[in-house]
Amino acid sequence: MTRVKRGVMTHKRHKNVLSATKGFRRMNGNVYSRARQALMKAGLNSYIGRKLKKRQFRSLWTVRLNNAVRDLGMNYSTFIHAAYEKRVSLNRKVLSNLAIEYPKVFEQVVNFVK
């Protein structure tokens, strides 16, 4: 029976974690046990952030649509309801982009919905 030396793999694993946490503050970037915890927390936060990003963009589109529609004599909620009633299949993202880049086309959409 020969003895198994595990130093090489441990060193490799430590090196990978420390390179992933490069630039983290204080001991989180250079002490392995702290770096491992910080990496786990960073991964969790990035997962949460990916979900939050979608929520924040939808609220941005809502605000943009509200501003664009108010100039044309409606408000956001009545516009969305009327669009739903008329079966307009454009989503908030597309409508928001239309309002910014093609105001004439957006005005036609609003007039159709009215």
Protein backbone atom coordinates (compact mmCIF):
# COMPACT_ATOMS: atom_id res chain seq x y z
CA MET A 1 0.00 0.00 0.00
CA THR A 2 1.33 3.40 -0.93
CA ARG A 3 0.32 6.63 0.63
CA VAL A 4 -1.65 9.15 -1.39
CA LYS A 5 -0.40 12.71 -1.32
CA ARG A 6 -3.21 15.20 -1.94
CA GLY A 7 -1.30 18.46 -1.98
CA VAL A 8 -1.33 18.98 -5.74
CA MET A 9 -5.11 18.89 -6.15
CA THR A 10 -5.68 20.95 -3.00
CA HIS A 11 -3.25 23.58 -4.25
CA LYS A 12 -5.00 23.62 -7.63
CA ARG A 13 -8.43 24.02 -6.03
CA HIS A 14 -7.21 26.81 -3.76
CA LYS A 15 -5.57 28.55 -6.70
CA ASN A 16 -8.79 28.42 -8.74
CA VAL A 17 -10.87 29.89 -5.91
CA LEU A 18 -8.33 32.63 -5.20
CA SER A 19 -8.08 33.59 -8.86
CA ALA A 20 -11.89 33.82 -9.05
CA THR A 21 -11.96 36.15 -6.04
CA LYS A 22 -9.16 38.37 -7.27
CA GLY A 23 -9.99 41.99 -6.51
CA PHE A 24 -12.35 41.22 -3.62
CA ARG A 25 -11.93 43.45 -0.57
CA ARG A 26 -9.86 42.71 2.52
CA MET A 27 -9.24 39.03 3.28
CA ASN A 28 -11.95 37.86 0.88
CA GLY A 29 -9.47 37.94 -1.99
CA ASN A 30 -6.45 36.26 -0.45
CA VAL A 31 -7.48 33.92 2.40
CA TYR A 32 -8.86 30.66 1.03
CA SER A 33 -11.62 30.01 3.60
CA ARG A 34 -12.92 33.58 3.36
CA ALA A 35 -12.52 33.59 -0.43
CA ARG A 36 -14.61 30.42 -0.75
CA GLN A 37 -17.43 31.97 1.29
CA ALA A 38 -17.20 35.25 -0.64
CA LEU A 39 -17.36 33.37 -3.94
CA MET A 40 -20.50 31.53 -2.85
CA LYS A 41 -22.11 34.81 -1.76
CA ALA A 42 -21.09 36.51 -5.01
CA GLY A 43 -22.66 33.69 -7.01
CA LEU A 44 -25.89 33.99 -5.04
CA ASN A 45 -25.98 37.76 -5.50
CA SER A 46 -25.37 37.49 -9.23
CA TYR A 47 -28.22 34.97 -9.50
CA ILE A 48 -30.53 37.35 -7.62
CA GLY A 49 -29.31 40.25 -9.75
CA ARG A 50 -30.20 38.48 -12.97
CA LYS A 51 -33.80 38.18 -11.74
CA LEU A 52 -33.91 41.79 -10.50
CA LYS A 53 -32.66 43.09 -13.83
CA LYS A 54 -35.76 41.79 -15.60
CA ARG A 55 -38.01 43.44 -13.01
CA GLN A 56 -36.21 46.77 -13.26
CA PHE A 57 -36.36 46.83 -17.05
CA ARG A 58 -40.09 46.13 -17.03
CA SER A 59 -40.65 49.07 -14.68
CA LEU A 60 -38.49 51.25 -16.94
CA TRP A 61 -40.65 50.33 -19.94
CA THR A 62 -43.76 51.14 -17.90
CA VAL A 63 -42.47 54.61 -17.01
CA ARG A 64 -41.47 55.32 -20.61
CA LEU A 65 -44.85 54.20 -21.92
CA ASN A 66 -46.68 56.28 -19.33
CA ASN A 67 -44.74 59.40 -20.34
CA ALA A 68 -45.28 58.78 -24.05
CA VAL A 69 -48.99 58.00 -23.73
CA ARG A 70 -49.75 61.01 -21.48
CA ASP A 71 -48.67 63.34 -24.30
CA LEU A 72 -51.34 61.70 -26.47
CA GLY A 73 -54.16 62.15 -23.95
CA MET A 74 -54.25 58.80 -22.13
CA ASN A 75 -52.57 57.29 -19.14
CA TYR A 76 -50.65 54.02 -18.87
CA SER A 77 -53.28 51.82 -17.29
CA THR A 78 -56.07 52.80 -19.69
CA PHE A 79 -53.70 52.39 -22.64
CA ILE A 80 -52.63 48.89 -21.60
CA HIS A 81 -56.22 47.87 -20.91
CA ALA A 82 -57.40 49.24 -24.25
CA ALA A 83 -54.51 47.52 -26.05
CA TYR A 84 -55.48 44.25 -24.39
CA GLU A 85 -59.12 44.73 -25.42
CA LYS A 86 -58.07 45.45 -29.04
CA ARG A 87 -55.76 42.41 -28.98
CA VAL A 88 -52.59 44.39 -29.70
CA SER A 89 -49.88 41.75 -29.39
CA LEU A 90 -46.95 44.14 -28.89
CA ASN A 91 -45.34 43.83 -25.50
CA ARG A 92 -44.18 46.66 -23.24
CA LYS A 93 -40.58 46.47 -24.44
CA VAL A 94 -41.53 46.85 -28.10
CA LEU A 95 -44.05 49.60 -27.35
CA SER A 96 -41.44 51.48 -25.31
CA ASN A 97 -38.90 51.27 -28.14
CA LEU A 98 -41.54 52.43 -30.62
CA ALA A 99 -42.36 55.42 -28.43
CA ILE A 100 -38.69 56.45 -28.30
CA GLU A 101 -37.45 55.68 -31.80
CA TYR A 102 -40.60 55.92 -33.96
CA PRO A 103 -43.03 58.36 -32.30
CA LYS A 104 -45.25 58.61 -35.39
CA VAL A 105 -45.78 54.84 -35.51
CA PHE A 106 -46.42 54.81 -31.76
CA GLU A 107 -48.99 57.56 -32.20
CA GLN A 108 -50.77 55.41 -34.80
CA VAL A 109 -50.82 52.50 -32.34
CA VAL A 110 -52.32 54.76 -29.65
CA ASN A 111 -54.93 56.09 -32.07
CA PHE A 112 -55.86 52.51 -33.07
CA VAL A 113 -56.26 51.60 -29.41
CA LYS A 114 -58.42 54.67 -28.60
